[in-house]
Protein backbone atom coordinates (compact mmCIF):
# COMPACT_ATOMS: atom_id res chain seq x y z
CA MET A 1 100.00 67.47 128.37
CA TRP A 2 102.13 67.82 131.49
CA GLY A 3 102.95 70.66 133.86
CA ARG A 4 106.18 72.54 134.39
CA THR A 5 107.06 75.34 136.80
CA VAL A 6 109.18 78.39 135.98
CA SER A 7 110.33 81.22 138.22
CA VAL A 8 107.58 83.64 137.23
CA LEU A 9 104.61 81.47 136.33
CA HIS A 10 103.31 77.95 135.83
CA TYR A 11 102.57 76.66 132.36
CA THR A 12 101.46 73.45 130.73
CA VAL A 13 103.28 72.05 127.73
CA LEU A 14 101.00 71.61 124.73
CA ASN A 15 102.68 69.10 122.41
CA ASP A 16 100.28 68.09 119.61
CA ASP A 17 101.94 67.14 116.32
CA TRP A 18 98.70 67.60 114.43
CA ARG A 19 98.77 71.38 115.08
CA ALA A 20 101.77 71.89 112.75
CA THR A 21 101.17 74.22 109.80
CA ASN A 22 102.18 71.48 107.35
CA ASN A 23 99.64 68.97 108.71
CA ASN A 24 96.76 68.56 106.25
CA ALA A 25 93.47 67.68 107.92
CA ASN A 26 92.28 65.89 104.79
CA VAL A 27 95.08 63.38 105.35
CA TYR A 28 95.34 63.14 109.13
CA GLY A 29 91.81 64.03 110.21
CA GLU A 30 90.17 67.15 111.67
CA HIS A 31 90.51 68.36 115.25
CA CYS A 32 88.66 71.01 117.22
CA ASP A 33 89.42 73.21 120.25
CA LYS A 34 85.80 74.02 121.07
CA ASP A 35 85.43 71.55 123.93
CA VAL A 36 88.94 71.80 125.38
CA ASN A 37 88.99 72.88 129.03
CA TRP A 38 91.84 75.38 128.84
CA GLN A 39 93.41 76.16 132.20
CA GLY A 40 96.12 78.79 132.67
CA TRP A 41 99.19 79.24 130.50
CA TYR A 42 100.48 76.93 127.76
CA ARG A 43 103.86 76.63 126.07
CA LEU A 44 103.85 75.13 122.57
CA PHE A 45 106.11 72.26 121.52
CA LEU A 46 106.50 69.98 118.52
CA GLY A 47 108.48 67.04 119.77
CA ASN A 48 111.44 68.50 121.66
CA THR A 49 111.30 71.84 119.82
CA SER A 50 109.72 74.93 121.37
CA VAL A 51 107.49 76.60 118.78
CA GLN A 52 104.97 79.43 118.54
CA MET A 53 101.70 80.39 116.88
CA PRO A 54 101.93 81.73 113.31
CA GLU A 55 101.49 85.45 112.69
CA ARG A 56 100.28 84.96 109.15
CA CYS A 57 97.31 83.49 107.38
CA VAL A 58 97.29 79.69 107.23
CA GLU A 59 95.58 77.84 104.41
CA MET A 60 92.27 76.12 105.08
CA ASP A 61 92.47 72.45 106.15
CA MET A 62 96.00 72.82 107.55
CA CYS A 63 97.04 72.45 111.22
CA GLY A 64 94.93 69.33 111.52
CA THR A 65 91.66 71.24 111.32
CA ALA A 66 89.23 72.71 108.82
CA PHE A 67 89.68 76.33 109.93
CA PRO A 68 93.24 76.92 111.24
CA MET A 69 93.70 79.79 113.68
CA TRP A 70 96.58 82.28 113.67
CA LEU A 71 97.55 85.48 115.51
CA THR A 72 96.44 88.68 113.81
CA ASP A 73 99.14 90.74 115.57
CA PRO A 74 102.85 90.17 116.21
CA HIS A 75 104.05 88.46 119.37
CA PRO A 76 104.98 90.77 122.25
CA GLN A 77 108.46 91.75 123.34
CA LEU A 78 109.84 90.69 126.70
CA LEU A 79 109.15 94.04 128.36
CA ASP A 80 105.56 94.18 127.09
CA GLY A 81 104.34 91.79 129.75
CA VAL A 82 101.00 90.09 129.20
CA VAL A 83 99.24 91.36 126.07
CA GLN A 84 95.97 90.56 124.32
CA ARG A 85 96.12 89.31 120.73
CA GLY A 86 93.43 88.72 118.15
CA VAL A 87 92.89 85.27 116.64
CA CYS A 88 91.36 84.41 113.27
CA GLY A 89 90.39 81.21 111.49
CA SER A 90 90.80 81.04 107.71
CA TRP A 91 88.35 79.56 105.23
CA TYR A 92 88.33 79.54 101.40
CA GLY A 93 90.83 82.36 100.94
CA ASP A 94 89.34 84.56 103.67
CA CYS A 95 92.08 84.77 106.29
CA CYS A 96 89.73 86.05 108.98
CA SER A 97 86.50 84.31 108.08
CA PHE A 98 86.12 83.26 111.74
CA ARG A 99 87.23 85.98 114.15
CA GLN A 100 87.49 84.37 117.56
CA ASN A 101 87.73 85.67 121.10
CA PRO A 102 91.18 87.16 121.81
CA ILE A 103 93.80 85.29 123.80
CA HIS A 104 96.62 86.45 126.09
CA VAL A 105 100.29 86.07 125.18
CA LYS A 106 103.49 86.66 127.14
CA ALA A 107 107.15 86.60 126.10
CA CYS A 108 109.38 84.78 128.59
CA TYR A 109 113.07 84.73 129.42
CA GLY A 110 114.62 81.95 127.40
CA ASN A 111 113.20 83.17 124.08
CA TYR A 112 109.79 81.50 124.12
CA TYR A 113 106.13 82.46 124.52
CA VAL A 114 103.26 81.26 126.67
CA TYR A 115 99.61 81.52 125.72
CA LYS A 116 96.35 81.68 127.65
CA PHE A 117 93.97 80.00 125.22
CA VAL A 118 90.17 80.11 125.22
CA SER A 119 87.72 77.65 123.71
CA THR A 120 86.63 78.29 120.14
CA THR A 121 83.05 79.21 119.35
CA LEU A 122 82.51 76.33 116.93
CA CYS A 123 84.10 73.34 115.24
CA ASN A 124 86.29 72.76 113.43
CA LEU A 125 88.57 75.55 114.65
CA ALA A 126 91.95 74.85 116.26
CA TYR A 127 95.11 76.76 117.19
CA CYS A 128 98.10 76.40 114.83
CA VAL A 129 101.80 76.14 115.65
CA CYS A 130 104.78 77.09 113.48
CA GLN A 131 107.23 74.27 112.82
CA TYR A 132 109.50 75.89 110.24
CA THR A 133 111.83 78.85 109.99
CA CYS A 134 112.88 80.68 106.89
CA GLN A 135 116.44 81.48 105.94
CA TYR A 136 117.11 84.58 103.89
CA THR A 137 120.03 84.37 101.52
CA SER A 138 121.62 87.58 100.23
CA LEU A 139 118.94 89.77 101.76
CA ILE A 140 120.80 92.95 101.03
CA LEU A 141 120.69 92.56 97.26
CA CYS A 142 120.14 96.19 96.34
CA LEU A 143 119.60 95.90 92.63
CA GLN A 144 119.98 99.33 91.13
CA SER A 145 117.69 100.54 88.40
CA LEU A 146 118.73 103.40 86.14
CA ILE A 147 116.27 105.51 84.21
CA GLY A 148 116.53 108.73 82.19
CA LEU A 149 113.97 111.27 83.32
CA VAL A 150 112.08 113.14 80.63
CA ALA A 151 114.04 116.33 80.02
CA SER A 152 111.92 119.38 80.71
CA PRO A 153 113.13 123.01 80.85
CA LEU A 154 112.69 124.71 84.19
CA ASP A 155 112.37 128.47 84.09
CA ARG A 156 114.53 129.95 86.81
CA PRO A 157 115.26 133.57 87.65
CA GLY A 158 118.76 134.96 87.25
CA ASN A 159 120.85 132.28 85.60
CA GLY A 160 118.71 131.06 82.71
CA VAL A 161 117.34 127.50 82.33
CA SER A 162 118.30 124.23 83.97
CA ARG A 163 117.16 120.76 82.88
CA VAL A 164 115.99 117.60 84.53
CA GLY A 165 117.88 115.16 82.36
CA ALA A 166 119.93 113.20 84.84
CA LYS A 167 119.57 109.60 85.96
CA ALA A 168 117.52 108.32 88.87
CA ARG A 169 118.80 105.36 90.84
CA ALA A 170 116.48 103.11 92.84
CA SER A 171 117.34 100.44 95.41
CA MET A 172 115.33 98.03 97.55
CA SER A 173 116.34 96.38 100.84
CA LEU A 174 114.92 94.28 103.65
CA TYR A 175 115.19 95.70 107.16
CA LEU A 176 115.49 94.21 110.63
CA ASN A 177 113.11 96.62 112.33
CA SER A 178 109.97 98.63 111.72
CA ASN A 179 111.98 101.87 111.85
CA TYR A 180 113.80 100.88 108.65
CA THR A 181 117.14 101.87 110.16
CA GLU A 182 118.91 98.48 110.19
CA PRO A 183 119.18 96.68 106.84
CA TYR A 184 120.01 93.00 106.94
CA PRO A 185 123.72 92.28 106.55
CA THR A 186 125.00 90.36 103.59
CA GLY A 187 124.76 86.61 104.07
CA ARG A 188 122.31 84.22 105.65
CA VAL A 189 119.75 85.31 108.24
CA THR A 190 117.29 82.99 109.98
CA LEU A 191 113.72 84.04 110.73
CA PRO A 192 110.57 82.08 111.60
CA VAL A 193 107.68 81.79 109.20
CA GLY A 194 105.15 84.42 110.18
CA SER A 195 107.80 87.09 110.78
CA THR A 196 107.16 90.59 109.51
CA LEU A 197 109.17 91.56 106.44
CA HIS A 198 110.06 95.25 106.33
CA VAL A 199 110.78 96.34 102.75
CA GLY A 200 112.24 99.74 101.99
CA VAL A 201 112.75 101.45 98.64
CA SER A 202 114.71 104.63 97.97
CA VAL A 203 115.36 106.68 94.84
CA GLU A 204 118.21 109.10 94.24
CA VAL A 205 117.74 111.75 91.58
CA GLY A 206 120.87 112.75 89.66
CA VAL A 207 123.21 115.40 90.98
CA SER A 208 122.43 117.81 88.14
CA VAL A 209 118.95 118.33 89.56
CA GLU A 210 118.85 121.03 92.18
CA GLU A 211 117.42 120.07 95.54
CA SER A 212 114.35 122.28 95.20
CA GLU A 213 113.46 120.66 91.89
CA ALA A 214 114.23 117.12 93.03
CA GLU A 215 111.59 117.52 95.72
CA ARG A 216 108.88 117.70 93.08
CA TYR A 217 109.29 113.97 92.41
CA VAL A 218 108.06 111.19 94.68
CA VAL A 219 108.26 107.41 94.33
CA VAL A 220 105.10 105.31 94.15
CA ILE A 221 104.92 101.53 94.65
CA ASP A 222 102.87 100.21 91.74
CA ASN A 223 103.19 96.44 92.08
CA CYS A 224 104.97 93.98 94.36
CA TYR A 225 104.72 90.23 93.98
CA ALA A 226 106.59 87.03 94.75
CA THR A 227 107.73 84.27 92.40
CA GLU A 228 109.60 81.02 92.92
CA SER A 229 112.43 82.01 90.58
CA PRO A 230 114.56 85.13 89.99
CA SER A 231 112.60 85.80 86.79
CA PRO A 232 109.84 88.38 87.31
CA ASP A 233 107.95 86.79 84.42
CA ASP A 234 107.74 83.39 86.11
CA LEU A 235 104.33 81.98 87.02
CA PRO A 236 102.56 81.80 89.38
CA GLN A 237 102.85 85.31 90.76
CA PHE A 238 101.66 86.03 94.31
CA TYR A 239 100.73 89.71 94.57
CA MET A 240 101.16 91.75 97.73
CA ILE A 241 100.52 95.10 96.03
CA GLN A 242 98.77 95.35 92.65
CA HIS A 243 98.02 98.67 90.94
CA SER A 244 98.85 100.30 94.28
CA ASN A 245 96.12 98.24 95.97
CA ARG A 246 97.43 96.27 98.92
CA THR A 247 96.67 92.66 99.80
CA GLN A 248 97.50 91.74 103.41
CA VAL A 249 100.26 94.34 103.30
CA ARG A 250 100.75 97.48 105.35
CA VAL A 251 102.00 100.30 103.11
CA GLU A 252 103.63 102.76 105.45
CA GLU A 253 104.87 105.23 102.85
CA SER A 254 104.26 105.63 99.13
CA GLY A 255 103.74 108.71 96.99
CA SER A 256 105.00 111.24 99.53
CA SER A 257 108.80 111.33 99.11
CA LEU A 258 111.69 109.62 97.33
CA ARG A 259 111.36 106.62 99.59
CA ALA A 260 108.64 104.01 100.01
CA ARG A 261 108.13 101.41 102.72
CA PHE A 262 105.80 98.52 103.39
CA SER A 263 105.62 95.49 105.65
CA ALA A 264 104.16 92.04 105.07
CA LEU A 265 103.98 88.77 106.95
CA LEU A 266 106.17 85.98 105.64
CA PHE A 267 104.16 82.92 104.70
CA LEU A 268 104.49 79.82 102.56
CA TYR A 269 103.25 80.27 99.03
CA GLN A 270 101.08 77.35 97.95
CA GLY A 271 102.14 75.61 101.17
CA ASP A 272 105.52 74.73 99.63
CA TYR A 273 108.98 75.30 101.07
CA ARG A 274 110.64 76.74 97.99
CA ASP A 275 112.82 79.73 97.18
CA VAL A 276 110.86 82.96 96.93
CA PHE A 277 111.89 86.16 95.15
CA LEU A 278 110.25 89.53 95.70
CA HIS A 279 109.75 91.85 92.71
CA CYS A 280 108.56 95.47 92.93
CA SER A 281 107.80 97.95 90.17
CA LEU A 282 107.97 101.65 90.98
CA SER A 283 107.30 104.95 89.28
CA LEU A 284 108.43 108.51 89.79
CA CYS A 285 105.52 110.91 90.02
CA ASP A 286 105.64 114.67 89.46
CA GLN A 287 103.56 115.93 92.36
CA ARG A 288 103.37 119.44 90.95
CA SER A 289 101.29 118.33 88.01
CA SER A 290 99.24 115.44 89.44
CA SER A 291 98.16 113.70 92.60
CA CYS A 292 100.71 111.06 93.57
CA THR A 293 98.97 109.57 96.58
CA PRO A 294 97.83 106.02 95.78
CA VAL A 295 94.07 105.59 95.92
CA CYS A 296 93.04 102.03 96.70
CA SER A 297 89.94 100.63 95.09
CA ARG A 298 88.75 97.11 94.39
CA ARG A 299 87.19 98.25 91.12
CA ARG A 300 89.83 100.48 89.62
CA SER A 301 93.54 101.11 89.80
CA ARG A 302 95.37 104.32 90.62
CA SER A 303 95.66 106.74 87.73
CA VAL A 304 98.64 109.09 87.70
CA SER A 305 99.19 110.87 84.42
CA LYS A 306 102.56 112.44 85.14
CA SER A 307 104.63 109.46 86.20
CA VAL A 308 107.75 107.77 84.87
CA PRO A 309 108.15 104.00 85.38
CA LEU A 310 111.34 102.61 86.91
CA LYS A 311 112.83 99.26 86.05
CA LEU A 312 111.75 96.33 88.17
CA LEU A 313 113.65 95.65 91.41
CA THR A 314 114.21 92.13 92.76
CA ILE A 315 115.47 90.76 96.08
CA GLY A 316 115.94 87.16 97.13
CA PRO A 317 116.03 84.28 97.36
CA ILE A 318 114.07 83.64 100.52
CA THR A 319 114.73 80.00 101.39
CA CYS A 320 112.50 78.05 103.76
CA LYS A 321 114.15 75.24 105.65
CA CYS A 322 112.88 72.77 108.22
CA PHE A 323 114.72 72.58 111.54
CA THR A 324 114.78 69.10 113.02
């Protein structure tokens, strides 16, 4: 480690190759941050590359330690100043098996972060660093799904009977921000592993359905999972949402309108840098005849009797690439 001075604060460069997320402790040995005498701010490097802590769960035995530690909340923005962030160590599939004392993080001019670390409570826990970024190819693949709604007569005063027999069109996109207002442009976009993926789904009911009747339908996210090929039937399948139950995913809207939104942290499936495709199955629910709000339970799945399934939507590939 060696010191460096910047205009607003002093920091120490922490440049330990063994902290990389692709460093297996079973191969290179285990390290521990319990007895480190942390002093002040630290900027993370791998070689000559400025890096950062991951914002996603890291598999056990990676980062040169038994229980790798990651940030439980996103990094701050430049104007946020110094913020406090939670830190967790993963163990046997439990991403937060070891919840540690929080640390302080600050975003700096020059597009990097500094950290005020604290000693861990036990061994072998150590802070991780992200070495890789992910490149998204064709992120704005809005694959449209067409479905014929079950025709049902609607009694209306004055002008007789109208029918819900039109098509419904669904699309899915990835967005730049948490407001879901800026979809990614067509082409290649580069993001670091651990970034938050904002996924938005919208459904348009056919024009023959009057607005007041279209409002009776809402879209529900049933399942979302990732595969390593464009085929939704490919194995293995890594579920983010299953039977409307979420797994390390924040569902921000589902079952309340004709749009659904959720966010998830980008991570490496099985620790491999392969193409990843996201598949989501949806259903249209008639909220006049049943409850459409997803009810999460570890023991049972959501039951909605008056729902119509939509065809599966797919976006991708998500390509992970090492920057050297």
